[in-house]
Amino acid sequence: MKSIIAQCVFCGTLAIGLWTTLLIAYFQDDQENEQLKKTQELIRANSLRKNVYQQNHVSKKTPKQNASDDPIDFSAPEFYKGFKQYGLNAALSRSLGIRREVPDSRDKICHQKHYPAYLPTASIIICFYNEEFNTLLRTVSSVMDLTPHRFLEEIILVDDMSEIGDLKEKLDYQLELFRGKIKVVRNQKREGLIRSKMIGASRASGDILVFLDSHCEVNTVWLEPLLHAIAKDHKMVVCPVIDAINAMTLDYTAAPIVRGAFDWNLIFRWDNVYSYELDGPEGPSKPIRSPAMAGGIFAIDRHYFNELGQYDKDMNLWGGENVELSLRDNFFLQRPSLKYASYGNISERVELRKRLGCKSFQWYLDNIFPELEPFIYTDKKKRNNFL
């Protein structure tokens, strides 16, 4: 009898285990399907935004590089796995390899410009963490292929403790093909984007620091305009026009000329450029004033970067480098929940502002970004609670 009961209990346990396994598999599969649906919705949204963008901003045929003429199966497990891990079509990236040509997207007036033979040298700093191997190598090879070597002091790759095997020995072996122009710095602990950039800058020896993302491709005559602008004024911080590479199709699409801006939520955004900024014989080829800059891609004089105090080394998350602490004048009215959040010791940065003799934020609003209207709280009682 005990044997029969034991067998029944054993069979019951197996049955429960089997049903539990099936249920877990079902719900996991259901979650995977839900994620896949979200990915497909993102694909459709991307396509829609792309069509609307082209209708609104592009009056002529936009230079574009088709990554693949074959239709992409967005429901394929390989696509889904790669997109989930890297945020892009990894299978297509592997098929493209480590080098490709992109169309020259410059305005026609830029083709007529000539730059001095002698310009400052540049250290290109690229920080990465678990980046897709071919995407990272396309970034590096595009810089090597499209940068005059007399201006290229070095490329500094900062690995922020990547865990993917391809980014270790395989990467080192591949970089040997570039013959000594590349330095690889591997952090001994996760530092985050801000401190990784500072680590890269501390190893640089070029006159100009150029920060790039690890998933971009430079274009024809990309560096000379940045170096030339800073050579004329060492306190000028220069951002290039940033074209778009579609995460799904890896197609390259030219972007309109825009400037950096932000709102009172401290969210960085691209803003239209006023027509008078493009007047004159140089047209869109001359530097355009911008109230803010994208923190990922820009060029700055190395000594001026140090003079400004570099980045705040205690910032842990990307995005904070786009705007300054002084914006909290009106920021807390918009985001009152953050009024009592701990932001650490900022005394060092406050002293830096005093030492540099920074102008007031009101001066910035009056002279640099008058289009940013002050935030007005309609509820006086609520407003007083936050002051």
Protein backbone atom coordinates (compact mmCIF):
# COMPACT_ATOMS: atom_id res chain seq x y z
CA MET A 1 0.00 0.00 0.00
CA LYS A 2 2.82 2.35 0.97
CA SER A 3 4.50 1.52 -2.32
CA ILE A 4 1.35 2.40 -4.28
CA ILE A 5 0.93 5.67 -2.32
CA ALA A 6 4.59 6.49 -2.89
CA GLN A 7 4.21 5.86 -6.62
CA CYS A 8 1.08 8.04 -6.71
CA VAL A 9 2.87 10.84 -4.86
CA PHE A 10 5.85 10.50 -7.20
CA CYS A 11 3.60 10.56 -10.27
CA GLY A 12 1.69 13.49 -8.82
CA THR A 13 4.94 15.35 -8.25
CA LEU A 14 6.00 14.65 -11.81
CA ALA A 15 2.64 15.84 -13.08
CA ILE A 16 2.81 19.02 -11.02
CA GLY A 17 6.38 19.57 -12.17
CA LEU A 18 5.40 18.97 -15.78
CA TRP A 19 2.42 21.33 -15.60
CA THR A 20 4.54 23.92 -13.80
CA THR A 21 7.18 23.67 -16.53
CA LEU A 22 4.53 23.96 -19.23
CA LEU A 23 2.92 26.96 -17.54
CA ILE A 24 6.30 28.71 -17.12
CA ALA A 25 7.12 27.99 -20.74
CA TYR A 26 3.71 29.27 -21.77
CA PHE A 27 3.98 32.52 -19.85
CA GLN A 28 7.61 32.99 -20.90
CA ASP A 29 6.60 32.44 -24.50
CA ASP A 30 3.70 34.81 -23.95
CA GLN A 31 6.11 37.45 -22.60
CA GLU A 32 8.44 36.86 -25.54
CA ASN A 33 5.52 37.30 -27.91
CA GLU A 34 4.49 40.46 -26.10
CA GLN A 35 8.04 41.80 -26.40
CA LEU A 36 8.06 40.86 -30.06
CA LYS A 37 4.78 42.71 -30.58
CA LYS A 38 6.28 45.79 -28.91
CA THR A 39 9.35 45.51 -31.14
CA GLN A 40 7.15 45.23 -34.23
CA GLU A 41 5.12 48.23 -33.07
CA LEU A 42 8.40 50.12 -32.67
CA ILE A 43 9.34 49.13 -36.20
CA ARG A 44 6.05 50.41 -37.59
CA ALA A 45 6.37 53.61 -35.54
CA ASN A 46 9.91 54.11 -36.82
CA SER A 47 8.76 53.69 -40.39
CA LEU A 48 5.90 56.12 -39.86
CA ARG A 49 8.15 58.71 -38.23
CA LYS A 50 10.66 58.30 -41.04
CA ASN A 51 8.00 58.94 -43.69
CA VAL A 52 6.63 61.97 -41.82
CA TYR A 53 10.18 63.27 -41.24
CA GLN A 54 11.05 63.00 -44.92
CA GLN A 55 7.81 64.73 -45.97
CA ASN A 56 8.35 67.59 -43.52
CA HIS A 57 12.10 68.15 -43.77
CA VAL A 58 13.40 66.83 -47.05
CA SER A 59 12.48 68.68 -50.19
CA LYS A 60 14.89 66.82 -52.43
CA LYS A 61 15.97 63.22 -52.64
CA THR A 62 17.89 62.45 -49.47
CA PRO A 63 21.23 60.68 -49.79
CA LYS A 64 20.71 57.22 -48.37
CA GLN A 65 22.60 53.98 -48.04
CA ASN A 66 20.48 50.82 -48.27
CA ALA A 67 22.06 48.26 -45.99
CA SER A 68 20.25 45.37 -47.63
CA ASP A 69 18.02 44.94 -50.65
CA ASP A 70 16.53 41.77 -49.19
CA PRO A 71 13.35 42.02 -47.11
CA ILE A 72 13.98 41.79 -43.37
CA ASP A 73 12.09 39.17 -41.37
CA PHE A 74 11.36 41.12 -38.21
CA SER A 75 9.69 38.09 -36.64
CA ALA A 76 12.79 35.89 -36.93
CA PRO A 77 14.19 34.79 -33.53
CA GLU A 78 17.70 35.87 -34.56
CA PHE A 79 16.51 39.41 -35.29
CA TYR A 80 14.57 39.61 -32.04
CA LYS A 81 17.48 38.29 -29.96
CA GLY A 82 19.96 40.74 -31.52
CA PHE A 83 17.63 43.70 -31.23
CA LYS A 84 16.91 42.89 -27.58
CA GLN A 85 20.62 42.66 -26.76
CA TYR A 86 22.03 45.54 -28.80
CA GLY A 87 19.09 47.78 -29.70
CA LEU A 88 19.71 47.28 -33.42
CA ASN A 89 19.53 44.69 -36.18
CA ALA A 90 22.61 42.69 -35.18
CA ALA A 91 22.16 40.05 -37.89
CA LEU A 92 22.20 42.71 -40.60
CA SER A 93 25.12 44.46 -38.91
CA ARG A 94 27.13 41.23 -39.09
CA SER A 95 26.32 40.90 -42.79
CA LEU A 96 27.58 44.47 -43.39
CA GLY A 97 30.87 43.69 -41.68
CA ILE A 98 33.33 46.18 -40.23
CA ARG A 99 33.46 48.62 -43.14
CA ARG A 100 30.99 50.18 -45.58
CA GLU A 101 30.60 53.35 -47.63
CA VAL A 102 27.95 55.91 -46.75
CA PRO A 103 26.68 58.62 -49.10
CA ASP A 104 28.20 62.09 -48.94
CA SER A 105 25.34 64.00 -47.30
CA ARG A 106 26.95 67.46 -47.22
CA ASP A 107 25.26 70.49 -48.68
CA LYS A 108 26.63 71.30 -52.13
CA ILE A 109 28.20 74.54 -50.85
CA CYS A 110 30.39 72.44 -48.53
CA HIS A 111 32.02 70.80 -51.55
CA GLN A 112 33.48 74.19 -52.48
CA LYS A 113 35.10 74.83 -49.10
CA HIS A 114 38.80 74.35 -48.52
CA TYR A 115 40.54 74.05 -45.17
CA PRO A 116 44.11 74.88 -44.13
CA ALA A 117 46.73 72.19 -44.55
CA TYR A 118 47.82 72.74 -40.96
CA LEU A 119 45.17 72.31 -38.30
CA PRO A 120 45.25 71.14 -34.67
CA THR A 121 45.54 67.40 -34.10
CA ALA A 122 42.62 65.39 -32.73
CA SER A 123 42.24 62.61 -30.20
CA ILE A 124 39.05 60.68 -30.93
CA ILE A 125 37.50 59.22 -27.75
CA ILE A 126 34.97 56.40 -28.08
CA CYS A 127 33.51 54.79 -24.95
CA PHE A 128 31.65 51.50 -25.21
CA TYR A 129 29.93 48.86 -23.12
CA ASN A 130 28.69 45.58 -24.66
CA GLU A 131 28.47 47.19 -28.10
CA GLU A 132 27.76 44.98 -31.12
CA PHE A 133 31.18 44.02 -32.51
CA ASN A 134 30.69 45.03 -36.16
CA THR A 135 28.94 48.26 -35.22
CA LEU A 136 31.89 49.31 -33.05
CA LEU A 137 34.39 48.34 -35.75
CA ARG A 138 32.45 50.32 -38.40
CA THR A 139 32.75 53.35 -36.13
CA VAL A 140 36.52 52.87 -35.85
CA SER A 141 37.13 52.02 -39.52
CA SER A 142 35.07 55.00 -40.72
CA VAL A 143 37.23 57.32 -38.62
CA MET A 144 40.42 55.70 -39.92
CA ASP A 145 39.27 55.77 -43.56
CA LEU A 146 37.84 59.30 -43.67
CA THR A 147 40.24 61.24 -41.45
CA PRO A 148 43.48 62.72 -42.84
CA HIS A 149 46.17 61.03 -40.78
CA ARG A 150 48.11 64.26 -40.30
CA PHE A 151 45.19 65.48 -38.15
CA LEU A 152 44.53 62.18 -36.37
CA GLU A 153 46.68 61.91 -33.26
CA GLU A 154 44.97 58.76 -31.97
CA ILE A 155 41.73 56.91 -31.37
CA ILE A 156 41.14 56.05 -27.71
CA LEU A 157 38.67 53.24 -27.06
CA VAL A 158 37.45 53.04 -23.46
CA ASP A 159 35.89 49.68 -22.57
CA ASP A 160 33.65 50.13 -19.53
CA MET A 161 33.91 46.49 -18.36
CA SER A 162 32.16 44.88 -21.33
CA GLU A 163 31.08 41.28 -20.74
CA ILE A 164 30.82 40.12 -24.36
CA GLY A 165 33.69 37.87 -25.45
CA ASP A 166 33.98 39.44 -28.92
CA LEU A 167 35.06 42.71 -27.28
CA LYS A 168 38.16 41.18 -25.68
CA GLU A 169 40.87 39.25 -27.57
CA LYS A 170 38.95 39.28 -30.86
CA LEU A 171 38.68 43.07 -30.72
CA ASP A 172 42.36 43.46 -29.81
CA TYR A 173 43.36 41.26 -32.75
CA GLN A 174 41.19 43.24 -35.17
CA LEU A 175 42.54 46.58 -33.95
CA GLU A 176 46.11 45.51 -34.72
CA LEU A 177 45.25 46.02 -38.39
CA PHE A 178 45.07 49.77 -37.77
CA ARG A 179 48.79 49.88 -36.95
CA GLY A 180 49.28 51.75 -33.74
CA LYS A 181 46.79 54.60 -34.10
CA ILE A 182 44.44 53.07 -31.54
CA LYS A 183 44.76 52.87 -27.76
CA VAL A 184 42.45 50.59 -25.79
CA VAL A 185 41.74 51.46 -22.16
CA ARG A 186 39.85 48.84 -20.15
CA ASN A 187 38.21 50.05 -16.94
CA GLN A 188 38.76 47.83 -13.90
CA LYS A 189 35.20 48.52 -12.72
CA ARG A 190 32.04 49.93 -14.23
CA GLU A 191 32.51 53.70 -14.34
CA GLY A 192 29.58 54.80 -16.49
CA LEU A 193 29.65 57.07 -19.52
CA ILE A 194 30.69 60.33 -17.85
CA ARG A 195 33.73 59.01 -15.97
CA SER A 196 34.71 56.80 -18.94
CA LYS A 197 34.88 59.92 -21.11
CA MET A 198 37.03 61.61 -18.49
CA ILE A 199 39.33 58.58 -18.37
CA GLY A 200 39.69 58.72 -22.16
CA ALA A 201 40.39 62.44 -22.06
CA SER A 202 43.09 61.95 -19.42
CA ARG A 203 44.97 59.61 -21.81
CA ALA A 204 44.70 61.96 -24.81
CA SER A 205 47.63 63.88 -26.27
CA GLY A 206 45.98 65.59 -29.26
CA ASP A 207 45.19 69.31 -29.32
CA ILE A 208 41.46 68.70 -29.69
CA LEU A 209 39.26 66.12 -27.96
CA VAL A 210 36.54 64.66 -30.18
CA PHE A 211 33.96 62.51 -28.41
CA LEU A 212 32.04 59.99 -30.52
CA ASP A 213 29.40 57.37 -29.78
CA SER A 214 30.34 53.72 -30.27
CA HIS A 215 27.58 53.17 -32.84
CA CYS A 216 28.11 55.87 -35.45
CA GLU A 217 29.84 56.30 -38.81
CA VAL A 218 31.59 59.50 -39.82
CA ASN A 219 31.21 61.02 -43.28
CA THR A 220 33.36 62.73 -45.88
CA VAL A 221 35.39 65.74 -44.62
CA TRP A 222 33.84 65.34 -41.18
CA LEU A 223 36.72 66.47 -39.00
CA GLU A 224 38.26 69.46 -40.78
CA PRO A 225 35.33 71.89 -40.15
CA LEU A 226 35.40 71.05 -36.41
CA LEU A 227 39.15 71.60 -36.13
CA HIS A 228 39.04 74.78 -38.21
CA ALA A 229 36.33 76.36 -36.04
CA ILE A 230 38.26 75.66 -32.83
CA ALA A 231 41.53 76.82 -34.40
CA LYS A 232 39.90 80.24 -34.90
CA ASP A 233 38.55 80.36 -31.33
CA HIS A 234 39.88 77.86 -28.78
CA LYS A 235 36.83 78.46 -26.56
CA MET A 236 34.41 77.29 -29.22
CA VAL A 237 32.76 73.90 -28.57
CA VAL A 238 31.61 72.39 -31.86
CA CYS A 239 28.99 69.73 -32.64
CA PRO A 240 28.60 68.26 -36.12
CA VAL A 241 25.34 67.71 -37.95
CA ILE A 242 24.20 64.26 -36.83
CA ASP A 243 22.63 62.15 -39.57
CA ALA A 244 20.53 59.07 -38.76
CA ILE A 245 21.18 55.34 -39.10
CA ASN A 246 17.95 53.34 -38.83
CA ALA A 247 18.22 50.75 -36.06
CA MET A 248 16.11 48.23 -37.99
CA THR A 249 17.38 48.54 -41.55
CA LEU A 250 20.74 50.30 -40.87
CA ASP A 251 19.87 52.66 -43.72
CA TYR A 252 21.75 55.96 -43.64
CA THR A 253 19.61 59.11 -43.94
CA ALA A 254 20.79 62.74 -44.02
CA ALA A 255 19.43 65.07 -41.35
CA PRO A 256 18.37 68.71 -41.70
CA ILE A 257 20.39 71.45 -40.04
CA VAL A 258 19.13 71.80 -36.48
CA ARG A 259 20.41 73.14 -33.19
CA GLY A 260 20.44 71.71 -29.67
CA ALA A 261 17.89 72.87 -27.11
CA PHE A 262 16.00 71.61 -24.05
CA ASP A 263 12.78 72.16 -22.12
CA TRP A 264 12.07 72.73 -18.44
CA ASN A 265 12.05 68.98 -17.84
CA LEU A 266 15.74 69.13 -18.83
CA ILE A 267 14.99 66.91 -21.81
CA PHE A 268 17.39 67.55 -24.67
CA ARG A 269 15.74 68.10 -28.05
CA TRP A 270 16.59 69.28 -31.54
CA ASP A 271 15.26 72.70 -32.51
CA ASN A 272 14.81 74.54 -35.80
CA VAL A 273 17.48 76.97 -36.96
CA TYR A 274 16.36 80.49 -37.85
CA SER A 275 16.73 81.37 -41.51
CA TYR A 276 18.97 84.38 -40.82
CA GLU A 277 21.56 81.98 -39.33
CA LEU A 278 21.97 80.48 -42.80
CA ASP A 279 22.27 83.80 -44.66
CA GLY A 280 25.52 84.95 -46.21
CA PRO A 281 27.92 83.47 -48.74
CA GLU A 282 28.85 80.50 -46.51
CA GLY A 283 25.23 79.47 -46.09
CA PRO A 284 24.78 76.27 -44.07
CA SER A 285 28.52 75.55 -44.11
CA LYS A 286 29.34 78.05 -41.36
CA PRO A 287 29.04 77.31 -37.61
CA ILE A 288 25.57 77.96 -36.18
CA ARG A 289 24.99 79.09 -32.61
CA SER A 290 23.27 76.52 -30.40
CA PRO A 291 21.86 77.01 -26.86
CA ALA A 292 22.77 73.43 -25.87
CA MET A 293 24.64 70.51 -27.29
CA ALA A 294 24.24 66.76 -27.51
CA GLY A 295 26.60 65.33 -24.94
CA GLY A 296 27.70 62.34 -27.01
CA ILE A 297 29.31 63.87 -30.10
CA PHE A 298 31.32 67.09 -29.97
CA ALA A 299 34.81 68.57 -30.25
CA ILE A 300 36.58 70.79 -27.71
CA ASP A 301 40.09 72.14 -27.15
CA ARG A 302 41.80 69.77 -24.68
CA HIS A 303 43.18 72.53 -22.46
CA TYR A 304 39.87 74.39 -22.48
CA PHE A 305 38.08 71.16 -21.49
CA ASN A 306 40.36 70.91 -18.47
CA GLU A 307 39.99 74.62 -17.71
CA LEU A 308 36.20 74.23 -17.63
CA GLY A 309 36.48 71.46 -15.06
CA GLN A 310 35.71 68.64 -17.51
CA TYR A 311 32.56 66.76 -16.45
CA ASP A 312 31.15 66.37 -12.97
CA LYS A 313 32.80 63.06 -12.05
CA ASP A 314 29.97 62.17 -9.67
CA MET A 315 27.35 62.03 -12.44
CA ASN A 316 26.46 58.38 -13.00
CA LEU A 317 23.85 58.53 -15.77
CA TRP A 318 24.10 59.75 -19.35
CA GLY A 319 22.17 62.89 -20.25
CA GLY A 320 23.28 65.09 -17.37
CA GLU A 321 26.13 66.48 -19.46
CA ASN A 322 23.69 68.23 -21.80
CA VAL A 323 22.53 70.88 -19.33
CA GLU A 324 23.79 72.62 -16.22
CA LEU A 325 22.84 72.68 -12.55
CA SER A 326 21.74 76.30 -12.70
CA LEU A 327 18.59 75.24 -14.55
CA ARG A 328 17.08 74.14 -11.19
CA ASP A 329 15.83 77.74 -10.86
CA ASN A 330 12.64 76.66 -12.62
CA PHE A 331 13.33 72.96 -12.85
CA PHE A 332 11.84 72.10 -9.44
CA LEU A 333 8.59 73.85 -10.33
CA GLN A 334 8.23 71.41 -13.19
CA ARG A 335 9.52 68.34 -11.28
CA PRO A 336 8.60 68.99 -7.60
CA SER A 337 9.12 65.33 -6.63
CA LEU A 338 12.87 65.82 -7.12
CA LYS A 339 13.11 68.85 -4.82
CA TYR A 340 14.18 66.75 -1.85
CA ALA A 341 16.07 64.06 -3.74
CA SER A 342 19.70 63.62 -2.72
CA TYR A 343 22.08 64.81 -5.43
CA GLY A 344 25.35 64.47 -3.51
CA ASN A 345 28.02 67.02 -2.67
CA ILE A 346 28.23 69.71 -5.36
CA SER A 347 30.49 72.12 -3.48
CA GLU A 348 33.36 71.41 -5.87
CA ARG A 349 31.21 72.34 -8.88
CA VAL A 350 29.91 75.47 -7.13
CA GLU A 351 33.49 76.57 -6.45
CA LEU A 352 34.32 75.88 -10.09
CA ARG A 353 31.54 78.23 -11.22
CA LYS A 354 32.86 80.94 -8.90
CA ARG A 355 36.45 80.44 -10.09
CA LEU A 356 35.44 80.62 -13.75
CA GLY A 357 33.31 83.72 -13.15
CA CYS A 358 30.27 82.17 -14.83
CA LYS A 359 27.47 84.54 -15.75
CA SER A 360 24.02 84.21 -14.23
CA PHE A 361 21.38 81.97 -15.67
CA GLN A 362 19.27 85.04 -16.37
CA TRP A 363 22.06 86.28 -18.64
CA TYR A 364 21.95 82.94 -20.44
CA LEU A 365 18.18 83.25 -20.94
CA ASP A 366 18.45 86.86 -22.13
CA ASN A 367 21.39 86.42 -24.49
CA ILE A 368 21.70 82.78 -25.53
CA PHE A 369 18.30 81.13 -25.30
CA PRO A 370 15.58 83.79 -25.09
CA GLU A 371 13.20 81.38 -26.85
CA LEU A 372 13.01 79.28 -23.66
CA GLU A 373 10.04 80.88 -21.95
CA PRO A 374 10.11 80.88 -18.14
CA PHE A 375 7.88 78.24 -16.58
CA ILE A 376 4.84 79.88 -14.96
CA TYR A 377 2.90 78.08 -12.21
CA THR A 378 -0.76 79.03 -12.39
CA ASP A 379 -1.56 77.68 -8.93
CA LYS A 380 -0.01 80.26 -6.60
CA LYS A 381 -0.49 78.10 -3.51
CA LYS A 382 1.36 75.17 -5.07
CA ARG A 383 4.07 77.48 -6.33
CA ASN A 384 4.72 78.87 -2.85
CA ASN A 385 5.07 75.35 -1.49
CA PHE A 386 8.03 74.74 -3.75
CA LEU A 387 9.87 78.02 -3.16
